[in-house]
Structure formats: C-alpha cells, structure tokens
Amino acid sequence: MRLKKFFQQLKAMPVLMGKLFIVQFFTWIGLFALWIYATPVITRYVFLTINSESNAFENGTAWVGYCFALYSLLAAVLAFYLPLIYKRTGMCKLHAYLLFAGSAGLMLFYFIQNRWMLFVPFMLIGVAWSGISNIPYRLIGAIAPDDSIDFYFSVFSFSVVIPQVFAATVLGIVTKYFFSGQTLYTILLGGMSMLIAGIIMFFIPEIKKNKPVDD
C-alpha cells in the first residue's frame, strides 16, 4: 500500500517538478565541476605549479579557500534581498539570471591568470549560489500541497544526489579521456552546463502561488 501511495503521489506531481529536476541536474554538474577541480585549476593555471609540496601550491590552495569564503559570504548576504528582487522579476526569471551569472563565473576561469582576478568569477558564482540554495526550494514549497510537502522535498533532494553521483563517476572520465587531464576544460564544461540550466529556467513560466513563499 505504501509503495502504491508513493507512485500515486509521484504521478500527481506537477510538470514544474520535472522541469526543476532538469534545471537542478545541469546546475549541480556545474557546481560539482567547480568544487572538485577548483584547486587543481587554480594551482596549475594561476600559480603555475602541479607540485603539491611546493610553496606555490600551498599558496594556491590557500587562495582557493579565500575565494570560496568570499562566494559563501556574498551568497549569504544576497539571500536576504532575493524576496525583494523576485517580487519584481518573478522567481523563475530571477533564478535564470542568477544561473547565467554563475555560468559566466565558471567560464571566466579560462581567462584568469592573476590571483586577484579570481575574486571576479567567484563573486559571480556567489551571486548564483544565493539563488541555487534558495529559490528552487521556495518554488517547491509554493507548489507542494500542505499534506504532501515533506514528500515533495524528499523527492526533490534527489535532484542534488543524482548529479552528484553523475559528476563523481563521469567528470573524471571526461577529464582524462576527452580533455587529456586539462581540468580547466572541465570547469568550462561546468559553465556550459549551468548555462543550459539558466536557459531552461528562463523559459519556465512563473507559477501562480496559492500560498506565501516568503515569510
């Protein structure tokens, strides 16, 4: 009976849920490309070393920490202002714009040779992260029936798990056999993936909220 109810609830989910799954897949491929390969890319292409015992490598890994701290802090601050912005733009359009910013940030890695310039792509990624960690869940909260909201969020958690498994198994293969170990191209691939997510999100119609999503 429980299994039958599970599939009934799954079948009753709105089309938007499936579209958000696709957006999440391409979004998180971009994020996992960054999280997995930021250190080897920055140490190799900005600090010009692949020797993990060198001072340059240590400086590079420290700089990675500074950059991630910046994007996390920026995202946390911007999250407070998102409700003010999407009241004007709509949540779907705003999320698309933020994904475009994240995509641009990832693609900018190709042009960065100065450590200080690294803050620019990470700021763009931080702008995107403020929405990625917020807006999809607000959308789910807006469309989920009150008596099924836990089920909706449980199912939606797989929109992060699936790309995580995919990235862990596929990105390494792509980097080795298609990019000849050039991890910079893997981050560029992540940027293109996030761009696809933004394009899909841009064409998703704004939902008609039947309950408030911003307290």
C-alpha atoms as a PDB file:
ATOM      1  CA  MET A   1       0.000   0.000   0.000  1.00  0.00           C
ATOM      2  CA  ARG A   2       2.798   2.401   0.857  1.00  0.00           C
ATOM      3  CA  LEU A   3       4.544   1.694  -2.432  1.00  0.00           C
ATOM      4  CA  LYS A   4       1.284   2.237  -4.299  1.00  0.00           C
ATOM      5  CA  LYS A   5       0.724   5.538  -2.490  1.00  0.00           C
ATOM      6  CA  PHE A   6       4.304   6.569  -3.312  1.00  0.00           C
ATOM      7  CA  PHE A   7       3.768   6.129  -7.043  1.00  0.00           C
ATOM      8  CA  GLN A   8       0.383   7.831  -6.863  1.00  0.00           C
ATOM      9  CA  GLN A   9       1.947  10.879  -5.226  1.00  0.00           C
ATOM     10  CA  LEU A  10       4.809  10.796  -7.708  1.00  0.00           C
ATOM     11  CA  LYS A  11       2.396  10.699 -10.632  1.00  0.00           C
ATOM     12  CA  ALA A  12       0.359  13.567  -9.194  1.00  0.00           C
ATOM     13  CA  MET A  13       3.321  15.924  -9.068  1.00  0.00           C
ATOM     14  CA  PRO A  14       3.084  18.960 -11.370  1.00  0.00           C
ATOM     15  CA  VAL A  15       5.149  19.277 -14.545  1.00  0.00           C
ATOM     16  CA  LEU A  16       7.173  22.042 -12.916  1.00  0.00           C
ATOM     17  CA  MET A  17       8.729  19.460 -10.607  1.00  0.00           C
ATOM     18  CA  GLY A  18      10.221  17.590 -13.558  1.00  0.00           C
ATOM     19  CA  LYS A  19      11.480  20.802 -15.155  1.00  0.00           C
ATOM     20  CA  LEU A  20      13.159  21.831 -11.914  1.00  0.00           C
ATOM     21  CA  PHE A  21      14.822  18.412 -11.765  1.00  0.00           C
ATOM     22  CA  ILE A  22      16.392  19.070 -15.169  1.00  0.00           C
ATOM     23  CA  VAL A  23      17.487  22.565 -14.149  1.00  0.00           C
ATOM     24  CA  GLN A  24      18.964  21.182 -10.936  1.00  0.00           C
ATOM     25  CA  PHE A  25      20.846  18.471 -12.807  1.00  0.00           C
ATOM     26  CA  PHE A  26      22.692  20.895 -15.084  1.00  0.00           C
ATOM     27  CA  THR A  27      23.157  23.407 -12.253  1.00  0.00           C
ATOM     28  CA  TRP A  28      24.787  20.947  -9.893  1.00  0.00           C
ATOM     29  CA  ILE A  29      27.027  19.483 -12.590  1.00  0.00           C
ATOM     30  CA  GLY A  30      28.491  22.984 -12.849  1.00  0.00           C
ATOM     31  CA  LEU A  31      28.861  23.276  -9.092  1.00  0.00           C
ATOM     32  CA  PHE A  32      30.475  19.873  -8.677  1.00  0.00           C
ATOM     33  CA  ALA A  33      32.896  20.668 -11.511  1.00  0.00           C
ATOM     34  CA  LEU A  34      33.941  23.736  -9.524  1.00  0.00           C
ATOM     35  CA  TRP A  35      34.151  22.004  -6.153  1.00  0.00           C
ATOM     36  CA  ILE A  36      36.149  19.067  -7.498  1.00  0.00           C
ATOM     37  CA  TYR A  37      38.521  20.917  -9.808  1.00  0.00           C
ATOM     38  CA  ALA A  38      38.920  24.452  -8.413  1.00  0.00           C
ATOM     39  CA  THR A  39      42.110  23.573  -6.533  1.00  0.00           C
ATOM     40  CA  PRO A  40      43.945  21.809  -9.394  1.00  0.00           C
ATOM     41  CA  VAL A  41      42.886  24.512 -11.842  1.00  0.00           C
ATOM     42  CA  ILE A  42      43.941  27.443  -9.678  1.00  0.00           C
ATOM     43  CA  THR A  43      47.243  25.890  -8.596  1.00  0.00           C
ATOM     44  CA  ARG A  44      48.134  24.828 -12.124  1.00  0.00           C
ATOM     45  CA  TYR A  45      46.925  27.727 -14.269  1.00  0.00           C
ATOM     46  CA  VAL A  46      47.217  30.679 -11.887  1.00  0.00           C
ATOM     47  CA  PHE A  47      50.022  29.643  -9.501  1.00  0.00           C
ATOM     48  CA  LEU A  48      51.761  27.649 -12.258  1.00  0.00           C
ATOM     49  CA  THR A  49      52.572  24.516 -10.310  1.00  0.00           C
ATOM     50  CA  ILE A  50      51.494  20.903 -10.076  1.00  0.00           C
ATOM     51  CA  ASN A  51      53.979  20.102  -7.307  1.00  0.00           C
ATOM     52  CA  SER A  52      51.861  19.568  -4.196  1.00  0.00           C
ATOM     53  CA  GLU A  53      54.909  20.062  -1.967  1.00  0.00           C
ATOM     54  CA  SER A  54      55.867  23.474  -3.341  1.00  0.00           C
ATOM     55  CA  ASN A  55      55.208  26.819  -1.698  1.00  0.00           C
ATOM     56  CA  ALA A  56      53.311  27.952  -4.781  1.00  0.00           C
ATOM     57  CA  PHE A  57      50.915  25.028  -4.413  1.00  0.00           C
ATOM     58  CA  GLU A  58      50.330  25.857  -0.746  1.00  0.00           C
ATOM     59  CA  ASN A  59      49.667  29.470  -1.664  1.00  0.00           C
ATOM     60  CA  GLY A  60      47.290  28.331  -4.370  1.00  0.00           C
ATOM     61  CA  THR A  61      45.274  26.106  -2.056  1.00  0.00           C
ATOM     62  CA  ALA A  62      45.106  28.921   0.486  1.00  0.00           C
ATOM     63  CA  TRP A  63      43.822  31.235  -2.225  1.00  0.00           C
ATOM     64  CA  VAL A  64      41.137  28.703  -3.112  1.00  0.00           C
ATOM     65  CA  GLY A  65      39.970  28.933   0.491  1.00  0.00           C
ATOM     66  CA  TYR A  66      39.808  32.733   0.323  1.00  0.00           C
ATOM     67  CA  CYS A  67      37.779  32.584  -2.889  1.00  0.00           C
ATOM     68  CA  PHE A  68      35.305  30.060  -1.525  1.00  0.00           C
ATOM     69  CA  ALA A  69      34.905  32.101   1.640  1.00  0.00           C
ATOM     70  CA  LEU A  70      34.116  35.171  -0.471  1.00  0.00           C
ATOM     71  CA  TYR A  71      31.466  33.435  -2.547  1.00  0.00           C
ATOM     72  CA  SER A  72      29.846  31.859   0.504  1.00  0.00           C
ATOM     73  CA  LEU A  73      29.716  35.167   2.381  1.00  0.00           C
ATOM     74  CA  LEU A  74      28.377  37.036  -0.640  1.00  0.00           C
ATOM     75  CA  ALA A  75      25.692  34.410  -1.220  1.00  0.00           C
ATOM     76  CA  ALA A  76      24.588  34.527   2.417  1.00  0.00           C
ATOM     77  CA  VAL A  77      24.187  38.316   2.301  1.00  0.00           C
ATOM     78  CA  LEU A  78      22.390  38.380  -1.050  1.00  0.00           C
ATOM     79  CA  ALA A  79      19.912  35.711   0.078  1.00  0.00           C
ATOM     80  CA  PHE A  80      18.268  38.281   2.337  1.00  0.00           C
ATOM     81  CA  TYR A  81      17.491  40.506  -0.643  1.00  0.00           C
ATOM     82  CA  LEU A  82      16.151  37.863  -3.015  1.00  0.00           C
ATOM     83  CA  PRO A  83      12.487  38.230  -1.941  1.00  0.00           C
ATOM     84  CA  LEU A  84      12.637  41.960  -2.726  1.00  0.00           C
ATOM     85  CA  ILE A  85      14.025  41.244  -6.181  1.00  0.00           C
ATOM     86  CA  TYR A  86      11.807  38.364  -7.261  1.00  0.00           C
ATOM     87  CA  LYS A  87       8.689  40.312  -6.329  1.00  0.00           C
ATOM     88  CA  ARG A  88       9.608  42.426  -9.345  1.00  0.00           C
ATOM     89  CA  THR A  89      11.095  39.826 -11.671  1.00  0.00           C
ATOM     90  CA  GLY A  90       9.411  36.578 -10.617  1.00  0.00           C
ATOM     91  CA  MET A  91      11.283  33.684  -9.039  1.00  0.00           C
ATOM     92  CA  CYS A  92      11.829  31.718 -12.235  1.00  0.00           C
ATOM     93  CA  LYS A  93      13.281  34.635 -14.183  1.00  0.00           C
ATOM     94  CA  LEU A  94      15.467  35.704 -11.269  1.00  0.00           C
ATOM     95  CA  HIS A  95      16.799  32.191 -10.864  1.00  0.00           C
ATOM     96  CA  ALA A  96      17.622  32.103 -14.579  1.00  0.00           C
ATOM     97  CA  TYR A  97      19.546  35.378 -14.340  1.00  0.00           C
ATOM     98  CA  LEU A  98      21.490  34.127 -11.330  1.00  0.00           C
ATOM     99  CA  LEU A  99      22.378  30.922 -13.172  1.00  0.00           C
ATOM    100  CA  PHE A 100      23.636  32.997 -16.098  1.00  0.00           C
ATOM    101  CA  ALA A 101      25.882  34.848 -13.656  1.00  0.00           C
ATOM    102  CA  GLY A 102      27.215  31.568 -12.289  1.00  0.00           C
ATOM    103  CA  SER A 103      27.827  30.263 -15.784  1.00  0.00           C
ATOM    104  CA  ALA A 104      29.781  33.398 -16.667  1.00  0.00           C
ATOM    105  CA  GLY A 105      31.830  32.992 -13.483  1.00  0.00           C
ATOM    106  CA  LEU A 106      32.796  29.434 -14.335  1.00  0.00           C
ATOM    107  CA  MET A 107      33.700  30.312 -17.917  1.00  0.00           C
ATOM    108  CA  LEU A 108      35.843  33.242 -16.779  1.00  0.00           C
ATOM    109  CA  PHE A 109      38.312  30.753 -15.287  1.00  0.00           C
ATOM    110  CA  TYR A 110      39.661  30.272 -18.805  1.00  0.00           C
ATOM    111  CA  PHE A 111      40.876  33.900 -18.912  1.00  0.00           C
ATOM    112  CA  ILE A 112      42.172  34.311 -15.351  1.00  0.00           C
ATOM    113  CA  GLN A 113      45.941  34.432 -14.844  1.00  0.00           C
ATOM    114  CA  ASN A 114      46.150  36.779 -11.872  1.00  0.00           C
ATOM    115  CA  ARG A 115      45.260  35.600  -8.361  1.00  0.00           C
ATOM    116  CA  TRP A 116      43.413  38.821  -7.530  1.00  0.00           C
ATOM    117  CA  MET A 117      41.212  38.465 -10.598  1.00  0.00           C
ATOM    118  CA  LEU A 118      39.978  35.149  -9.205  1.00  0.00           C
ATOM    119  CA  PHE A 119      37.635  37.125  -6.978  1.00  0.00           C
ATOM    120  CA  VAL A 120      35.597  38.149 -10.040  1.00  0.00           C
ATOM    121  CA  PRO A 121      34.422  34.667 -11.110  1.00  0.00           C
ATOM    122  CA  PHE A 122      33.905  33.633  -7.503  1.00  0.00           C
ATOM    123  CA  MET A 123      31.734  36.688  -6.872  1.00  0.00           C
ATOM    124  CA  LEU A 124      29.591  35.750  -9.871  1.00  0.00           C
ATOM    125  CA  ILE A 125      29.352  32.181  -8.590  1.00  0.00           C
ATOM    126  CA  GLY A 126      28.407  33.551  -5.168  1.00  0.00           C
ATOM    127  CA  VAL A 127      25.595  35.528  -6.786  1.00  0.00           C
ATOM    128  CA  ALA A 128      24.379  32.314  -8.406  1.00  0.00           C
ATOM    129  CA  TRP A 129      24.703  30.313  -5.180  1.00  0.00           C
ATOM    130  CA  SER A 130      22.447  32.762  -3.353  1.00  0.00           C
ATOM    131  CA  GLY A 131      19.646  31.617  -5.652  1.00  0.00           C
ATOM    132  CA  ILE A 132      20.630  27.974  -6.090  1.00  0.00           C
ATOM    133  CA  SER A 133      20.474  27.383  -2.346  1.00  0.00           C
ATOM    134  CA  ASN A 134      17.188  29.216  -2.020  1.00  0.00           C
ATOM    135  CA  ILE A 135      14.852  29.676  -4.973  1.00  0.00           C
ATOM    136  CA  PRO A 136      14.271  26.047  -6.089  1.00  0.00           C
ATOM    137  CA  TYR A 137      13.149  25.151  -2.581  1.00  0.00           C
ATOM    138  CA  ARG A 138      10.814  28.139  -2.427  1.00  0.00           C
ATOM    139  CA  LEU A 139       9.313  27.005  -5.713  1.00  0.00           C
ATOM    140  CA  ILE A 140       8.762  23.511  -4.357  1.00  0.00           C
ATOM    141  CA  GLY A 141       7.229  24.971  -1.217  1.00  0.00           C
ATOM    142  CA  ALA A 142       4.876  27.018  -3.366  1.00  0.00           C
ATOM    143  CA  ILE A 143       3.571  24.112  -5.465  1.00  0.00           C
ATOM    144  CA  ALA A 144       3.530  21.338  -2.854  1.00  0.00           C
ATOM    145  CA  PRO A 145       0.175  20.574  -1.183  1.00  0.00           C
ATOM    146  CA  ASP A 146       0.337  21.117   2.570  1.00  0.00           C
ATOM    147  CA  ASP A 147      -0.281  17.440   3.287  1.00  0.00           C
ATOM    148  CA  SER A 148       2.496  16.306   0.910  1.00  0.00           C
ATOM    149  CA  ILE A 149       5.187  18.915   1.415  1.00  0.00           C
ATOM    150  CA  ASP A 150       7.547  16.507   3.190  1.00  0.00           C
ATOM    151  CA  PHE A 151       7.180  14.040   0.329  1.00  0.00           C
ATOM    152  CA  TYR A 152       7.907  16.734  -2.265  1.00  0.00           C
ATOM    153  CA  PHE A 153      11.072  17.873  -0.521  1.00  0.00           C
ATOM    154  CA  SER A 154      12.224  14.285  -0.025  1.00  0.00           C
ATOM    155  CA  VAL A 155      11.841  13.572  -3.728  1.00  0.00           C
ATOM    156  CA  PHE A 156      13.443  16.886  -4.659  1.00  0.00           C
ATOM    157  CA  SER A 157      16.542  16.026  -2.643  1.00  0.00           C
ATOM    158  CA  PHE A 158      17.374  13.531  -5.395  1.00  0.00           C
ATOM    159  CA  SER A 159      17.832  16.487  -7.770  1.00  0.00           C
ATOM    160  CA  VAL A 160      21.122  17.052  -5.933  1.00  0.00           C
ATOM    161  CA  VAL A 161      22.051  13.424  -5.290  1.00  0.00           C
ATOM    162  CA  ILE A 162      21.715  12.312  -8.918  1.00  0.00           C
ATOM    163  CA  PRO A 163      24.080  14.944 -10.407  1.00  0.00           C
ATOM    164  CA  GLN A 164      26.466  14.337  -7.529  1.00  0.00           C
ATOM    165  CA  VAL A 165      26.709  10.649  -8.427  1.00  0.00           C
ATOM    166  CA  PHE A 166      26.936  11.543 -12.120  1.00  0.00           C
ATOM    167  CA  ALA A 167      29.720  14.076 -11.511  1.00  0.00           C
ATOM    168  CA  ALA A 168      31.667  11.684  -9.299  1.00  0.00           C
ATOM    169  CA  THR A 169      31.600   8.962 -11.937  1.00  0.00           C
ATOM    170  CA  VAL A 170      31.624  10.828 -15.254  1.00  0.00           C
ATOM    171  CA  LEU A 171      33.585  14.071 -14.852  1.00  0.00           C
ATOM    172  CA  GLY A 172      36.802  12.228 -14.072  1.00  0.00           C
ATOM    173  CA  ILE A 173      36.398  10.060 -17.171  1.00  0.00           C
ATOM    174  CA  VAL A 174      35.636  13.078 -19.358  1.00  0.00           C
ATOM    175  CA  THR A 175      38.630  14.968 -17.957  1.00  0.00           C
ATOM    176  CA  LYS A 176      41.014  12.059 -18.523  1.00  0.00           C
ATOM    177  CA  TYR A 177      39.915  10.768 -21.908  1.00  0.00           C
ATOM    178  CA  PHE A 178      38.380  13.816 -23.611  1.00  0.00           C
ATOM    179  CA  PHE A 179      40.350  16.709 -22.101  1.00  0.00           C
ATOM    180  CA  SER A 180      43.692  14.908 -21.636  1.00  0.00           C
ATOM    181  CA  GLY A 181      43.748  15.814 -17.962  1.00  0.00           C
ATOM    182  CA  GLN A 182      43.203  19.531 -18.608  1.00  0.00           C
ATOM    183  CA  THR A 183      40.932  20.267 -15.651  1.00  0.00           C
ATOM    184  CA  LEU A 184      40.376  23.821 -16.834  1.00  0.00           C
ATOM    185  CA  TYR A 185      38.187  22.457 -19.612  1.00  0.00           C
ATOM    186  CA  THR A 186      36.153  20.515 -17.080  1.00  0.00           C
ATOM    187  CA  ILE A 187      35.268  23.751 -15.297  1.00  0.00           C
ATOM    188  CA  LEU A 188      34.384  25.273 -18.677  1.00  0.00           C
ATOM    189  CA  LEU A 189      32.113  22.281 -19.238  1.00  0.00           C
ATOM    190  CA  GLY A 190      30.538  23.049 -15.869  1.00  0.00           C
ATOM    191  CA  GLY A 191      29.961  26.617 -17.025  1.00  0.00           C
ATOM    192  CA  MET A 192      28.212  25.415 -20.173  1.00  0.00           C
ATOM    193  CA  SER A 193      26.122  23.044 -18.078  1.00  0.00           C
ATOM    194  CA  MET A 194      24.991  25.889 -15.829  1.00  0.00           C
ATOM    195  CA  LEU A 195      24.237  27.976 -18.903  1.00  0.00           C
ATOM    196  CA  ILE A 196      21.906  25.239 -20.128  1.00  0.00           C
ATOM    197  CA  ALA A 197      20.230  25.264 -16.719  1.00  0.00           C
ATOM    198  CA  GLY A 198      19.721  29.017 -16.964  1.00  0.00           C
ATOM    199  CA  ILE A 199      18.228  28.808 -20.454  1.00  0.00           C
ATOM    200  CA  ILE A 200      15.767  26.117 -19.381  1.00  0.00           C
ATOM    201  CA  MET A 201      14.848  28.095 -16.268  1.00  0.00           C
ATOM    202  CA  PHE A 202      14.303  31.261 -18.306  1.00  0.00           C
ATOM    203  CA  PHE A 203      11.509  29.621 -20.287  1.00  0.00           C
ATOM    204  CA  ILE A 204       9.676  28.150 -17.291  1.00  0.00           C
ATOM    205  CA  PRO A 205       6.519  30.214 -16.692  1.00  0.00           C
ATOM    206  CA  GLU A 206       6.123  31.904 -13.354  1.00  0.00           C
ATOM    207  CA  ILE A 207       3.946  29.885 -11.011  1.00  0.00           C
ATOM    208  CA  LYS A 208       0.667  31.125  -9.612  1.00  0.00           C
ATOM    209  CA  LYS A 209       1.276  30.935  -5.909  1.00  0.00           C
ATOM    210  CA  ASN A 210      -1.557  29.549  -3.843  1.00  0.00           C
ATOM    211  CA  LYS A 211       0.299  30.210  -0.606  1.00  0.00           C
ATOM    212  CA  PRO A 212       3.017  32.624   0.503  1.00  0.00           C
ATOM    213  CA  VAL A 213       6.623  31.607  -0.092  1.00  0.00           C
ATOM    214  CA  ASP A 214       8.335  34.474   1.676  1.00  0.00           C
ATOM    215  CA  ASP A 215       7.516  34.801   5.348  1.00  0.00           C
END
